[in-house]
Amino acid sequence: MYDLMKRLSSATRQLAERHARLKGRAEQLSSQLTRLTGELAKVREQLAAVGTLLVSFDARVEPLAIAPITAWKGKYGTRGALRDAVLELLRAAQGGWLPTPQLSLLLRDSFDLSFSTREELRNWEVRSVWSQLRRFVDEGLVEKSKTGAQHNDPACWRLKPDPKAFSLDDLRAIAAGVELDTVGA
């Protein structure tokens, strides 16, 4: 197949690569669909059983009128709990850089969050984690750094150091790591 690909035009190779990527994604989605179909059947069975039990306790209750609870709504506890948790994780890093995927994983573990699809996870990361981190950057609490040279390398975050909290040894270490401009000295 490799020899054939070498002899194809650039446009044809690009289409073949796109086809291969879409085929891989289709297989992923098919696998997820199979898993989710089984899970959905179990959840619907439990839902029907709980609905029947609920009506048997009180006939005035209509299970169809009860609104669903979405994946992460209400999991953070009191107002500001996500903000506090992010700050606590950054404090625990003790001035070190914390990559976004690691921060996301730690937050999911601390709030016991689970997502059924990668898209749902990505939406949560963008809407909750990233937006909170951007607010911290705007407030001057957090610094953002790109660790790698690649476009897809994760951003890293840390609390902005308080210059008043540095010891003399810390300042010496910082000065040793930075080339000082000695022109005119």
Foldseek 3Di string as FASTA:
>chain_A
DVVVLVPDDPVVNVVVVVVVVVVVVVVVVVVLCVVVVVVVVVVVVVLVVVQVVVCVVPVVDDSVPDDDDDQCPCLQPDPCSLVVLLQVVQVVCVFDWAFLVRSLVVSCVVSVGDDSDPVVSVVCCVVPVVVSVVVCVVVQQKDWDFDDPDPPGTIIMHGDDDVVPDDPVNVVVVPVVDDDDPPPD
